[in-house]
Every structure is written in structure tokens, then in C-alpha cells.
Amino acid sequence: MLLDNRQKLKSLTGEKKEGVKSTHDFDGMYIFLSFDIVNSTAYKSLNPYWTKTISLFRDFSVKYMSECFREKPKDSNTEKDFCDLQYFFWKNLGDEIIFMFPNPKVSELYKLPDASCSVLNRISKSLETPTNNSSVKVSVKATLWIAEIDEKDELRKKRIKEEYEILEKDENAEIDKEPPFQERNINIAINDIEHNTIDFLGPDIDTGFRLSHHASHNKLTIDARLTWILMKLMDENQYHNYFMENAKIVGYEPLKGVWNEKPYPIIWYIPKWDDTNLFYYYEEIDEKSLAYKIVKNNYKFTSISKLESILSESKQLDYSNYLLAKTKDKDGKTIKRLLRIFDSDKQTELHLICLCINEYNEILILNRSSDRSYLPNIWDFGCAHLVKDTTIKDSLINQYSKKIGTEIKLLNNGMPINSIKIDRQDDKIINALVFIGKVEKDKVDIDKKKYAKYKWLSYDYFYPNKHLKQDRKASCVSGFEDRFNDVVKFLNSAGVAGGA
């Protein structure tokens, strides 16, 4: 018995294999939003064209997420229908589509429930027309829940070492099987040439899926801990009372494997409550349904103001406080590995480089800021990427205009002057097109978040070490001299005056 325990503990503290990416690259606070079709099984059995409906459901979900989760339009008076939180599509599970909000901005969280309801309502209305000839009523339900993804190896190894020492003294000693907060949920990521996926495992992830079974059509269900966190954050916000009115505990149901299967508060968020229109008639007469229990109880709901005492009695309040503190700490922090995996704007790994010259035939070079994760403090010419549903020319001009604060006029009839391959440090080979553009020297105003400074170099000679030697740490991106020579060759072939 003692030998088996020793071996298990030793294997858990073993060193990682070389070349394995750090799982910490995905650590952070995550809120998940699920949309799921109600009555999909019955609908599929009676409608031979059900695959088209499922496809439409997914298309509508993606479309309305992009419309509602963004900065509020200037011409809109509906503050809470738009939420400026960065989100990513996570995955499809049958008739369910799930999105995730990594490290959400605290200042925008008060709008999360209403924006989620707005997406839900738009999806439901859009599905009415394609399913109006079906004998089965098709609708959509939504669920929100929170989880921390954080694997702390050092804390984990320390805990396992302590358990090992306990078992050394007494092989029958009881070990606390409940992991610390930091070890509750982990991720499993695949990131190679053919796959870019991420998945999560843990009890908090399971809670969301268990809870979704008690969601109801056209309603948003929110997990208890996230509801409590939103309450606390809204204490300082004008929408606190509004949230308290729209979120209600509609019942209690044990969830398998959750809270030691104590009755779990089922919380629905509905912007406009109408008790007479909450359910379909067949839900109200199904004795196994939550709707039946609600109707039998004469629609007597419990205020979420009772949630803190519920969390305390179920031994969940400490963890809820921990999640609240972590949410504030992670407030809007970017998880860069997610950006690289899920950046939907990047249609292909095609980079666009513009070599900018001014009216004096000087070439603009930019020094990347020290806090950049990739190539900090390096001199380059800037770079853009091809954006989905946007032309190469517009992708380049729009992104460069933001980087250098002024418009660019592409030379060479807007055609690239070279095509190259970029060898990255992570062994990826990226294709790139090289363009040449004209800018006005006095109008350049670089993006200080991305670049620390800039210089103009004369085109007629090239001594990068001489020009940049003032800063001993200064260095240039790979292929820097070749790009400089691309400019020289173009201007010489066109004639200096004519090319400029």
C-alpha cells in the first residue's frame, strides 16, 4: 500500500518532457456562454432537413455574438445590449455551441447578462422562419458559468510532497482529496501544424454542463458563483438593482458531482419577467420538469439576495471570494496563446510588409516596444496580416495607418515588390508580401503601445550597425538589410525623383 502511494506520488512530480509547451500559457479566468437547441431530438426525427437548421443555428450564433459583444455603437441608446468583452468560439457539442470570455474586463461584466440575452433572443427569432412548418417547436436556451484555469506546478509539487511525507509516517493516514482552488481545472491544448484546439477539464467545467440541463427555452441560466460575483461587482454600479430584479432563484436541483450533490440554486436571468409566458403547456404538466415544480409553487421565486447565505452553508463562499479576487486581478489581461490560436481575423498566415518612404526618400524603421512578447526592442518595418473578408490592400493600409498614425499611398500600382518567407523562432515559416508606400514625414505618429521609437534612414547607403550603434542593445529583424535593399532597387529602377 505504502509503496503504491509512493510510486503514484513520484510519478506525479516527475519532470515534463522536453519540447512540451507550458500549460500556463492558457492560465486565467474564463466565463463560458453556451447556446443549445431545445427539442432538437424530436425535431431531427420528424424533419429530414434538420442538418440545415443546425447549420443555421451555428451561423446565427456566431453572427449575433459578433454584433452584440463589441463596443456600443454611437447611435445606440441601449447600453446593456452591447458588451465590449473579447470572446472566442470554444467548441461545438452536438446541438450546442460554446463561447468563452478569457480574463473579462471587470468594467464590462455588468452588461454580460443582457448582451447574452440579446444574442439568445436574436438566435431564437431567426430560427422561427426556417422551422415554422415543423410540428415540433424549436427554441434555444443559454447558460453562463465561470471557471479558473490555473495549474501551479510548484504548489502542486509542494502539496504532493507533503502528502508523501504524511504517508511515510502513516500509510493509513487520511489525505484531503479536495484539491486547492488553484488546481481545480486544467487545460488540454493541441497546437501543431494540423491542429489548433484547446479543451478544459475540471469540476467547474462540469458544473456548467450539469447546469445547462436545467436551462429553459429563451432563458439565460447563470451559475451560482458567477451570479454572486456579478452581484458584488454591481454593488458599485447603477445596474445593481436592475440585476437583482432580473435574476431569480427559480428552484433547487441536485447536480451530479456538484456541491456534494446538495440542492443547487437554479438561477434564471430574464430582462422582462412574465410568469404567464414562461413555459410551454406540456412543460407545466410534466411532473419531472422544473416548470411543473415552479407552477405548482405558484411562481414563488427566491431573491438572489439569499445567495450569499446559500454559498456559505454549502461551503462555497470562500471559493466564490477567491474567484472574485482573481477576476479583479486578471481584469482584461490578454492571454496571448489564445490570440495566436483563435484569431479569427487572420484568414491565412500571410503577412503584409510595407516599406514606407517619405518625400525625402528616407525609409521609416520602427523599434518594437520592450513589453512585446515577440521580438521586443527589435528594429523592423512594421507588419500587417490579411484580414478575413478584406482585400490585401485594405488590410495593409488600415493596419499600417493605426501603427504609424497616417495614411499610406501604395507605389508600384499597389502591387508587391517582393514575396518572401519569414523564419520564425518557433520554427514556423510564414509567407509575406512586400509593398512600398509613400507617407508624409511630419505626419507620422507611431502607436506607442507597440513601438518605442522610430527613425528615418537615407535610402542611398545602408550601414545599420553604424546608424543604430547608439543603443548597444539595438538589433534588427531577420532580413532587415534585404528589405532595405528592396527599397533601393525599386527607387533606382524607377529613378529617384520619379519613384518618389
Protein backbone atom coordinates (compact mmCIF):
# COMPACT_ATOMS: atom_id res chain seq x y z
CA MET A 1 0.00 0.00 0.00
CA LEU A 2 2.71 2.49 1.01
CA LEU A 3 4.85 1.50 -1.99
CA ASP A 4 1.94 2.08 -4.40
CA ASN A 5 1.27 5.51 -2.92
CA ARG A 6 4.97 6.42 -3.15
CA GLN A 7 5.10 5.40 -6.80
CA LYS A 8 1.97 7.39 -7.66
CA LEU A 9 3.26 10.48 -5.93
CA LYS A 10 6.66 10.16 -7.55
CA SER A 11 5.09 9.88 -11.00
CA LEU A 12 3.01 12.98 -10.39
CA THR A 13 6.09 15.04 -9.51
CA GLY A 14 8.13 13.82 -12.47
CA GLU A 15 9.77 16.25 -14.84
CA LYS A 16 8.00 17.31 -18.02
CA LYS A 17 9.22 16.05 -21.34
CA GLU A 18 11.41 18.37 -23.32
CA GLY A 19 9.71 20.38 -26.03
CA VAL A 20 6.28 20.33 -24.36
CA LYS A 21 4.59 23.73 -24.34
CA SER A 22 3.84 25.18 -20.92
CA THR A 23 0.23 24.69 -19.90
CA HIS A 24 0.44 28.01 -18.09
CA ASP A 25 0.18 29.77 -21.43
CA PHE A 26 -3.62 29.40 -21.12
CA ASP A 27 -4.00 30.20 -17.41
CA GLY A 28 -6.65 32.74 -16.48
CA MET A 29 -10.25 33.37 -15.54
CA TYR A 30 -12.80 32.14 -18.06
CA ILE A 31 -16.52 32.74 -18.42
CA PHE A 32 -18.33 30.34 -20.72
CA LEU A 33 -21.54 31.04 -22.66
CA SER A 34 -23.43 28.10 -24.15
CA PHE A 35 -26.35 28.14 -26.61
CA ASP A 36 -28.27 24.92 -27.05
CA ILE A 37 -31.26 23.92 -29.17
CA VAL A 38 -34.31 22.74 -27.22
CA ASN A 39 -36.29 19.74 -28.55
CA SER A 40 -33.63 19.03 -31.16
CA THR A 41 -34.02 15.23 -30.89
CA ALA A 42 -37.73 15.32 -31.71
CA TYR A 43 -37.14 17.88 -34.44
CA LYS A 44 -34.49 15.72 -36.12
CA SER A 45 -36.70 12.63 -36.12
CA LEU A 46 -39.53 14.48 -37.93
CA ASN A 47 -37.61 16.82 -40.22
CA PRO A 48 -35.34 15.31 -42.91
CA TYR A 49 -33.72 18.72 -43.44
CA TRP A 50 -32.67 19.17 -39.82
CA THR A 51 -28.97 19.49 -40.75
CA LYS A 52 -29.72 22.81 -42.46
CA THR A 53 -31.38 24.10 -39.29
CA ILE A 54 -28.40 23.12 -37.14
CA SER A 55 -26.09 24.85 -39.59
CA LEU A 56 -28.24 27.99 -39.47
CA PHE A 57 -28.24 27.87 -35.66
CA ARG A 58 -24.45 27.90 -35.58
CA ASP A 59 -24.23 30.64 -38.21
CA PHE A 60 -26.73 32.80 -36.32
CA SER A 61 -24.89 32.23 -33.03
CA VAL A 62 -21.57 33.41 -34.48
CA LYS A 63 -23.21 36.33 -36.28
CA TYR A 64 -25.10 37.70 -33.28
CA MET A 65 -22.18 37.21 -30.90
CA SER A 66 -20.12 39.49 -33.13
CA GLU A 67 -22.95 42.03 -33.26
CA CYS A 68 -23.60 42.20 -29.50
CA PHE A 69 -20.18 41.63 -27.97
CA ARG A 70 -18.43 44.77 -29.14
CA GLU A 71 -18.19 48.42 -28.29
CA LYS A 72 -21.61 50.07 -28.09
CA PRO A 73 -22.46 51.82 -31.37
CA LYS A 74 -22.57 55.59 -31.09
CA ASP A 75 -26.12 55.73 -32.45
CA SER A 76 -27.47 53.18 -29.96
CA ASN A 77 -29.22 54.15 -26.74
CA THR A 78 -29.37 50.57 -25.47
CA GLU A 79 -26.35 50.44 -23.20
CA LYS A 80 -26.68 46.88 -21.92
CA ASP A 81 -27.33 45.16 -25.25
CA PHE A 82 -23.69 45.66 -26.25
CA CYS A 83 -20.80 44.34 -24.18
CA ASP A 84 -17.18 45.08 -25.10
CA LEU A 85 -15.70 41.79 -23.92
CA GLN A 86 -13.23 39.81 -26.01
CA TYR A 87 -14.56 36.34 -26.72
CA PHE A 88 -13.57 33.25 -28.67
CA PHE A 89 -15.52 30.35 -30.10
CA TRP A 90 -14.63 27.36 -27.94
CA LYS A 91 -16.34 24.32 -29.47
CA ASN A 92 -19.47 22.60 -30.76
CA LEU A 93 -21.01 19.76 -28.78
CA GLY A 94 -23.75 18.28 -30.92
CA ASP A 95 -26.54 20.87 -30.97
CA GLU A 96 -24.67 23.10 -28.53
CA ILE A 97 -22.22 25.88 -29.35
CA ILE A 98 -19.98 27.33 -26.63
CA PHE A 99 -18.07 30.61 -26.49
CA MET A 100 -15.55 31.72 -23.87
CA PHE A 101 -14.50 35.07 -22.40
CA PRO A 102 -10.90 34.86 -21.10
CA ASN A 103 -9.97 37.33 -18.35
CA PRO A 104 -13.05 39.53 -18.91
CA LYS A 105 -12.84 43.26 -18.26
CA VAL A 106 -14.50 43.96 -14.91
CA SER A 107 -15.87 47.27 -16.17
CA GLU A 108 -17.93 45.45 -18.83
CA LEU A 109 -19.18 42.48 -16.81
CA TYR A 110 -22.35 44.22 -15.65
CA LYS A 111 -23.52 44.15 -19.29
CA LEU A 112 -22.76 40.45 -19.81
CA PRO A 113 -26.22 39.06 -18.86
CA ASP A 114 -28.19 41.48 -21.06
CA ALA A 115 -25.85 41.12 -24.03
CA SER A 116 -26.12 37.32 -23.69
CA CYS A 117 -29.92 37.59 -23.63
CA SER A 118 -29.81 39.82 -26.68
CA VAL A 119 -27.85 37.17 -28.59
CA LEU A 120 -30.24 34.47 -27.35
CA ASN A 121 -33.33 36.40 -28.49
CA ARG A 122 -31.87 37.14 -31.92
CA ILE A 123 -30.97 33.49 -32.49
CA SER A 124 -34.44 32.34 -31.43
CA LYS A 125 -36.22 34.83 -33.69
CA SER A 126 -34.01 33.95 -36.65
CA LEU A 127 -34.88 30.25 -36.24
CA GLU A 128 -38.64 30.90 -36.25
CA THR A 129 -38.93 31.20 -40.03
CA PRO A 130 -36.93 28.10 -41.07
CA THR A 131 -38.80 25.94 -38.51
CA ASN A 132 -42.33 27.38 -38.74
CA ASN A 133 -43.59 24.39 -40.77
CA SER A 134 -42.36 21.87 -38.23
CA SER A 135 -44.71 20.14 -35.83
CA VAL A 136 -42.03 20.47 -33.14
CA LYS A 137 -41.38 23.83 -31.52
CA VAL A 138 -37.66 24.60 -31.79
CA SER A 139 -36.16 27.15 -29.44
CA VAL A 140 -32.83 27.97 -27.82
CA LYS A 141 -31.58 28.10 -24.23
CA ALA A 142 -28.40 29.66 -22.82
CA THR A 143 -26.09 29.06 -19.85
CA LEU A 144 -23.32 31.18 -18.31
CA TRP A 145 -20.70 29.86 -15.89
CA ILE A 146 -17.22 30.70 -14.58
CA ALA A 147 -14.03 28.72 -14.04
CA GLU A 148 -10.40 29.43 -13.32
CA ILE A 149 -7.81 27.59 -15.38
CA ASP A 150 -4.57 27.62 -13.41
CA GLU A 151 -2.05 24.83 -12.93
CA LYS A 152 0.54 25.86 -10.40
CA ASP A 153 3.26 23.23 -10.65
CA GLU A 154 5.25 24.43 -7.66
CA LEU A 155 2.23 24.50 -5.35
CA ARG A 156 1.12 21.16 -6.72
CA LYS A 157 4.51 19.54 -6.13
CA LYS A 158 4.72 21.04 -2.66
CA ARG A 159 1.30 19.61 -1.74
CA ILE A 160 2.18 16.19 -3.15
CA LYS A 161 5.48 16.22 -1.23
CA GLU A 162 3.59 16.96 1.98
CA GLU A 163 1.20 14.08 1.26
CA TYR A 164 4.18 11.82 0.62
CA GLU A 165 5.71 12.75 3.99
CA ILE A 166 2.41 12.06 5.73
CA LEU A 167 2.17 8.61 4.11
CA GLU A 168 5.79 7.92 5.08
CA LYS A 169 4.79 8.24 8.72
CA ASP A 170 1.41 6.54 8.47
CA GLU A 171 0.39 4.63 5.34
CA ASN A 172 -3.26 4.63 6.50
CA ALA A 173 -3.39 8.38 7.03
CA GLU A 174 -6.33 10.24 5.52
CA ILE A 175 -5.39 12.62 2.71
CA ASP A 176 -7.68 15.51 1.85
CA LYS A 177 -8.98 14.65 -1.61
CA GLU A 178 -10.38 18.11 -2.27
CA PRO A 179 -7.71 19.98 -4.30
CA PRO A 180 -6.82 23.60 -3.55
CA PHE A 181 -8.59 26.25 -5.60
CA GLN A 182 -5.58 26.61 -7.88
CA GLU A 183 -5.74 23.00 -9.02
CA ARG A 184 -9.41 22.57 -9.77
CA ASN A 185 -9.37 23.00 -13.55
CA ILE A 186 -6.75 22.30 -16.19
CA ASN A 187 -6.47 22.63 -19.94
CA ILE A 188 -5.54 20.18 -22.66
CA ALA A 189 -4.24 22.01 -25.72
CA ILE A 190 -3.22 20.71 -29.12
CA ASN A 191 -1.11 23.17 -31.06
CA ASP A 192 0.74 21.78 -34.05
CA ILE A 193 0.74 22.20 -37.81
CA GLU A 194 -2.56 20.40 -38.37
CA HIS A 195 -4.49 21.20 -35.17
CA ASN A 196 -5.23 24.29 -33.13
CA THR A 197 -7.59 23.33 -30.33
CA ILE A 198 -7.90 23.82 -26.61
CA ASP A 199 -10.02 21.93 -24.12
CA PHE A 200 -10.62 22.18 -20.40
CA LEU A 201 -11.18 19.62 -17.67
CA GLY A 202 -12.29 20.07 -14.09
CA PRO A 203 -15.25 20.24 -11.71
CA ASP A 204 -16.11 23.85 -12.56
CA ILE A 205 -16.28 22.96 -16.26
CA ASP A 206 -18.56 20.04 -15.39
CA THR A 207 -20.79 22.35 -13.32
CA GLY A 208 -21.66 24.37 -16.42
CA PHE A 209 -22.65 21.29 -18.39
CA ARG A 210 -24.70 19.89 -15.50
CA LEU A 211 -26.42 23.23 -15.02
CA SER A 212 -27.34 23.53 -18.70
CA HIS A 213 -29.70 20.57 -18.30
CA HIS A 214 -31.85 22.81 -16.11
CA ALA A 215 -31.84 25.73 -18.53
CA SER A 216 -35.10 26.55 -20.28
CA HIS A 217 -36.06 27.87 -23.70
CA ASN A 218 -35.48 31.59 -24.32
CA LYS A 219 -33.95 31.98 -20.86
CA LEU A 220 -30.44 32.58 -19.60
CA THR A 221 -29.26 30.35 -16.75
CA ILE A 222 -26.29 31.60 -14.68
CA ASP A 223 -24.24 29.51 -12.29
CA ALA A 224 -24.46 30.43 -8.59
CA ARG A 225 -20.88 31.59 -8.10
CA LEU A 226 -20.90 33.79 -11.22
CA THR A 227 -24.22 35.29 -10.13
CA TRP A 228 -22.75 36.16 -6.74
CA ILE A 229 -19.66 37.68 -8.39
CA LEU A 230 -21.86 39.80 -10.67
CA MET A 231 -23.86 40.94 -7.62
CA LYS A 232 -20.70 42.06 -5.86
CA LEU A 233 -19.33 43.86 -8.91
CA MET A 234 -22.66 45.59 -9.48
CA ASP A 235 -22.81 46.89 -5.91
CA GLU A 236 -20.77 49.81 -7.25
CA ASN A 237 -22.78 50.10 -10.46
CA GLN A 238 -26.08 51.75 -11.30
CA TYR A 239 -27.45 48.44 -12.63
CA HIS A 240 -27.24 46.62 -9.30
CA ASN A 241 -30.97 46.84 -8.57
CA TYR A 242 -31.77 46.04 -12.19
CA PHE A 243 -29.75 42.82 -11.94
CA MET A 244 -31.36 41.88 -8.63
CA GLU A 245 -34.79 42.18 -10.22
CA ASN A 246 -34.00 40.19 -13.33
CA ALA A 247 -32.03 37.32 -11.78
CA LYS A 248 -34.09 34.96 -9.62
CA ILE A 249 -33.62 31.60 -7.97
CA VAL A 250 -36.42 29.58 -9.57
CA GLY A 251 -35.74 26.31 -7.80
CA TYR A 252 -33.18 23.89 -6.38
CA GLU A 253 -31.90 20.75 -8.07
CA PRO A 254 -29.06 18.37 -7.16
CA LEU A 255 -26.40 18.32 -9.88
CA LYS A 256 -24.41 15.12 -10.24
CA GLY A 257 -20.93 15.59 -8.78
CA VAL A 258 -21.54 19.26 -7.86
CA TRP A 259 -21.52 20.60 -4.27
CA ASN A 260 -21.55 17.02 -2.96
CA GLU A 261 -24.95 16.87 -4.68
CA LYS A 262 -26.56 19.30 -2.27
CA PRO A 263 -29.54 21.12 -3.86
CA TYR A 264 -28.08 23.64 -6.28
CA PRO A 265 -29.83 27.00 -6.84
CA ILE A 266 -31.13 27.27 -10.40
CA ILE A 267 -30.89 30.93 -11.39
CA TRP A 268 -32.60 32.37 -14.45
CA TYR A 269 -31.95 35.84 -15.80
CA ILE A 270 -34.81 37.38 -17.79
CA PRO A 271 -34.85 41.11 -18.65
CA LYS A 272 -38.67 41.16 -18.72
CA TRP A 273 -40.33 38.61 -16.46
CA ASP A 274 -43.77 37.38 -17.47
CA ASP A 275 -44.89 34.45 -15.33
CA THR A 276 -47.80 33.66 -17.65
CA ASN A 277 -45.48 33.17 -20.59
CA LEU A 278 -42.53 31.29 -19.11
CA PHE A 279 -43.26 27.77 -20.33
CA TYR A 280 -44.90 25.67 -22.99
CA TYR A 281 -48.07 23.96 -21.72
CA TYR A 282 -46.54 20.47 -21.92
CA GLU A 283 -43.68 21.53 -19.65
CA GLU A 284 -46.13 22.60 -16.95
CA ILE A 285 -47.78 19.17 -16.82
CA ASP A 286 -44.56 17.12 -16.91
CA GLU A 287 -44.07 16.13 -13.27
CA LYS A 288 -40.33 15.58 -13.84
CA SER A 289 -39.72 19.08 -15.14
CA LEU A 290 -38.63 22.16 -13.24
CA ALA A 291 -41.50 24.03 -14.90
CA TYR A 292 -44.02 21.73 -13.21
CA LYS A 293 -42.48 22.44 -9.78
CA ILE A 294 -42.49 26.20 -10.43
CA VAL A 295 -46.13 26.24 -11.50
CA LYS A 296 -47.12 24.04 -8.55
CA ASN A 297 -45.35 26.53 -6.26
CA ASN A 298 -47.42 29.37 -7.77
CA TYR A 299 -44.36 31.03 -9.33
CA LYS A 300 -42.85 31.88 -5.95
CA PHE A 301 -39.21 32.63 -6.66
CA THR A 302 -36.35 33.31 -4.25
CA SER A 303 -34.39 36.56 -4.37
CA ILE A 304 -30.71 36.18 -5.23
CA SER A 305 -30.01 38.28 -2.13
CA LYS A 306 -30.16 34.92 -0.34
CA LEU A 307 -27.32 33.60 -2.48
CA GLU A 308 -24.52 34.53 -0.08
CA SER A 309 -26.03 32.52 2.76
CA ILE A 310 -26.59 29.60 0.36
CA LEU A 311 -22.95 29.68 -0.71
CA SER A 312 -21.83 29.91 2.91
CA GLU A 313 -23.95 26.96 4.06
CA SER A 314 -22.78 24.84 1.12
CA LYS A 315 -19.10 25.67 1.85
CA GLN A 316 -18.75 27.59 -1.42
CA LEU A 317 -18.36 31.16 -0.20
CA ASP A 318 -14.57 31.07 0.27
CA TYR A 319 -14.10 29.77 -3.24
CA SER A 320 -16.51 32.39 -4.59
CA ASN A 321 -14.49 35.13 -2.87
CA TYR A 322 -11.33 33.64 -4.35
CA LEU A 323 -12.84 33.71 -7.87
CA LEU A 324 -13.97 37.31 -7.38
CA ALA A 325 -10.46 38.38 -6.33
CA LYS A 326 -8.91 36.54 -9.29
CA THR A 327 -11.41 38.11 -11.69
CA LYS A 328 -10.38 41.57 -10.49
CA ASP A 329 -6.70 40.66 -10.64
CA LYS A 330 -6.92 39.31 -14.21
CA ASP A 331 -9.08 42.23 -15.33
CA GLY A 332 -8.77 42.28 -19.14
CA LYS A 333 -5.27 40.74 -19.27
CA THR A 334 -4.55 39.24 -22.68
CA ILE A 335 -3.88 35.50 -22.99
CA LYS A 336 -1.54 35.65 -25.97
CA ARG A 337 -1.58 31.95 -26.83
CA LEU A 338 -5.34 32.20 -27.31
CA LEU A 339 -4.87 35.11 -29.69
CA ARG A 340 -2.48 33.05 -31.79
CA ILE A 341 -4.77 30.01 -31.87
CA PHE A 342 -8.19 31.58 -32.24
CA ASP A 343 -7.58 34.88 -34.03
CA SER A 344 -10.49 34.70 -36.47
CA ASP A 345 -9.34 37.81 -38.33
CA LYS A 346 -6.28 36.01 -39.62
CA GLN A 347 -7.62 34.32 -42.70
CA THR A 348 -4.23 32.83 -43.56
CA GLU A 349 -0.69 33.08 -42.27
CA LEU A 350 0.04 35.72 -44.92
CA HIS A 351 1.95 38.71 -43.64
CA LEU A 352 1.97 42.09 -45.37
CA ILE A 353 5.04 44.31 -45.05
CA CYS A 354 5.04 47.90 -46.23
CA LEU A 355 8.37 49.69 -46.65
CA CYS A 356 7.41 53.33 -46.03
CA ILE A 357 9.36 56.18 -47.57
CA ASN A 358 8.82 59.93 -47.22
CA GLU A 359 9.15 62.85 -49.59
CA TYR A 360 12.92 62.90 -48.96
CA ASN A 361 13.34 59.24 -49.95
CA GLU A 362 14.09 58.27 -46.37
CA ILE A 363 12.95 54.86 -45.14
CA LEU A 364 10.88 54.51 -41.95
CA ILE A 365 12.09 51.96 -39.39
CA LEU A 366 10.30 51.16 -36.13
CA ASN A 367 11.63 49.93 -32.79
CA ARG A 368 9.32 47.40 -31.15
CA SER A 369 8.45 48.17 -27.51
CA SER A 370 10.17 46.24 -24.71
CA ASP A 371 6.95 44.60 -23.48
CA ARG A 372 6.19 42.90 -26.81
CA SER A 373 6.13 39.12 -26.36
CA TYR A 374 7.67 38.54 -29.78
CA LEU A 375 10.92 40.29 -30.77
CA PRO A 376 10.97 43.08 -28.15
CA ASN A 377 13.37 46.02 -28.74
CA ILE A 378 13.91 44.95 -32.36
CA TRP A 379 14.00 47.33 -35.33
CA ASP A 380 11.68 46.41 -38.20
CA PHE A 381 9.48 47.99 -40.86
CA GLY A 382 6.16 47.06 -39.27
CA CYS A 383 3.90 44.24 -40.39
CA ALA A 384 0.21 43.57 -41.08
CA HIS A 385 -1.82 40.43 -41.84
CA LEU A 386 -4.60 39.53 -44.21
CA VAL A 387 -7.96 40.13 -42.54
CA LYS A 388 -10.97 37.96 -43.21
CA ASP A 389 -13.40 39.39 -45.80
CA THR A 390 -10.96 42.26 -46.55
CA THR A 391 -8.72 42.83 -49.57
CA ILE A 392 -4.95 42.65 -49.25
CA LYS A 393 -4.67 46.37 -49.99
CA ASP A 394 -7.26 47.40 -47.39
CA SER A 395 -5.81 45.02 -44.79
CA LEU A 396 -2.37 46.56 -45.21
CA ILE A 397 -3.43 50.22 -45.35
CA ASN A 398 -5.86 50.01 -42.41
CA GLN A 399 -3.40 48.28 -40.09
CA TYR A 400 -0.42 50.42 -41.02
CA SER A 401 -2.46 53.60 -40.61
CA LYS A 402 -3.03 52.58 -36.98
CA LYS A 403 0.63 51.71 -36.46
CA ILE A 404 2.12 54.93 -37.83
CA GLY A 405 -0.83 57.31 -37.41
CA THR A 406 -1.06 58.50 -41.00
CA GLU A 407 -2.28 57.40 -44.41
CA ILE A 408 -0.12 55.45 -46.86
CA LYS A 409 -0.15 55.77 -50.62
CA LEU A 410 0.99 52.49 -52.16
CA LEU A 411 3.51 52.81 -55.00
CA ASN A 412 4.20 50.34 -57.82
CA ASN A 413 0.49 50.50 -58.77
CA GLY A 414 -0.34 48.86 -55.44
CA MET A 415 1.49 45.67 -56.40
CA PRO A 416 4.06 43.94 -54.15
CA ILE A 417 7.72 44.46 -54.99
CA ASN A 418 8.77 41.13 -53.48
CA SER A 419 7.47 37.93 -51.90
CA ILE A 420 9.44 36.36 -49.06
CA LYS A 421 9.38 33.69 -46.38
CA ILE A 422 9.81 34.60 -42.72
CA ASP A 423 11.56 32.07 -40.50
CA ARG A 424 10.12 32.47 -37.03
CA GLN A 425 11.73 31.48 -33.73
CA ASP A 426 9.03 28.83 -33.23
CA ASP A 427 10.16 27.12 -36.47
CA LYS A 428 7.09 28.26 -38.40
CA ILE A 429 7.62 29.52 -41.93
CA ILE A 430 5.34 32.44 -42.80
CA ASN A 431 4.77 33.76 -46.32
CA ALA A 432 4.83 37.52 -46.74
CA LEU A 433 4.28 40.08 -49.50
CA VAL A 434 6.46 43.20 -49.51
CA PHE A 435 4.98 46.51 -50.66
CA ILE A 436 6.35 50.03 -50.87
CA GLY A 437 4.36 53.08 -49.76
CA LYS A 438 4.65 56.86 -49.55
CA VAL A 439 3.95 58.82 -46.35
CA GLU A 440 4.48 62.40 -45.25
CA LYS A 441 7.38 62.65 -42.80
CA ASP A 442 5.82 65.21 -40.44
CA LYS A 443 2.54 63.32 -40.11
CA VAL A 444 3.94 60.08 -38.70
CA ASP A 445 2.67 59.40 -35.16
CA ILE A 446 3.52 55.85 -34.08
CA ASP A 447 1.41 53.62 -31.84
CA LYS A 448 3.27 53.92 -28.52
CA LYS A 449 1.81 50.65 -27.24
CA LYS A 450 3.56 48.72 -29.99
CA TYR A 451 6.61 50.82 -30.78
CA ALA A 452 9.02 52.72 -28.54
CA LYS A 453 10.53 54.98 -31.22
CA TYR A 454 11.21 55.35 -34.92
CA LYS A 455 13.95 56.60 -37.27
CA TRP A 456 14.31 57.69 -40.88
CA LEU A 457 17.26 56.24 -42.81
CA SER A 458 18.55 57.55 -46.11
CA TYR A 459 17.98 55.15 -48.99
CA ASP A 460 21.32 55.68 -50.75
CA TYR A 461 23.50 53.80 -48.30
CA PHE A 462 22.98 51.18 -45.65
CA TYR A 463 25.02 50.77 -42.51
CA PRO A 464 22.54 49.52 -39.90
CA ASN A 465 25.15 48.95 -37.21
CA LYS A 466 26.53 52.46 -37.74
CA HIS A 467 23.13 54.14 -37.64
CA LEU A 468 21.86 52.17 -34.66
CA LYS A 469 25.05 51.69 -32.64
CA GLN A 470 24.00 54.43 -30.19
CA ASP A 471 21.87 51.82 -28.49
CA ARG A 472 24.09 48.83 -27.69
CA LYS A 473 21.08 46.56 -27.32
CA ALA A 474 19.59 47.60 -30.64
CA SER A 475 19.28 44.92 -33.30
CA CYS A 476 17.29 44.36 -36.46
CA VAL A 477 14.73 41.82 -37.53
CA SER A 478 15.93 38.99 -39.78
CA GLY A 479 16.16 40.11 -43.40
CA PHE A 480 16.32 43.78 -42.44
CA GLU A 481 19.11 44.64 -44.91
CA ASP A 482 17.36 42.72 -47.71
CA ARG A 483 14.18 44.77 -47.20
CA PHE A 484 16.20 47.97 -47.20
CA ASN A 485 17.77 46.89 -50.49
CA ASP A 486 14.30 46.19 -51.90
CA VAL A 487 13.58 49.90 -51.47
CA VAL A 488 16.89 50.94 -53.03
CA LYS A 489 16.35 48.64 -56.03
CA PHE A 490 12.80 49.91 -56.58
CA LEU A 491 13.73 53.58 -56.40
CA ASN A 492 16.79 53.14 -58.61
CA SER A 493 14.77 51.26 -61.22
CA ALA A 494 12.13 53.99 -61.26
CA GLY A 495 14.58 56.86 -60.97
CA VAL A 496 14.87 58.57 -57.59
CA ALA A 497 12.72 61.55 -58.46
CA GLY A 498 10.18 59.54 -60.39
CA GLY A 499 9.95 56.82 -57.78
CA ALA A 500 9.44 59.34 -55.03
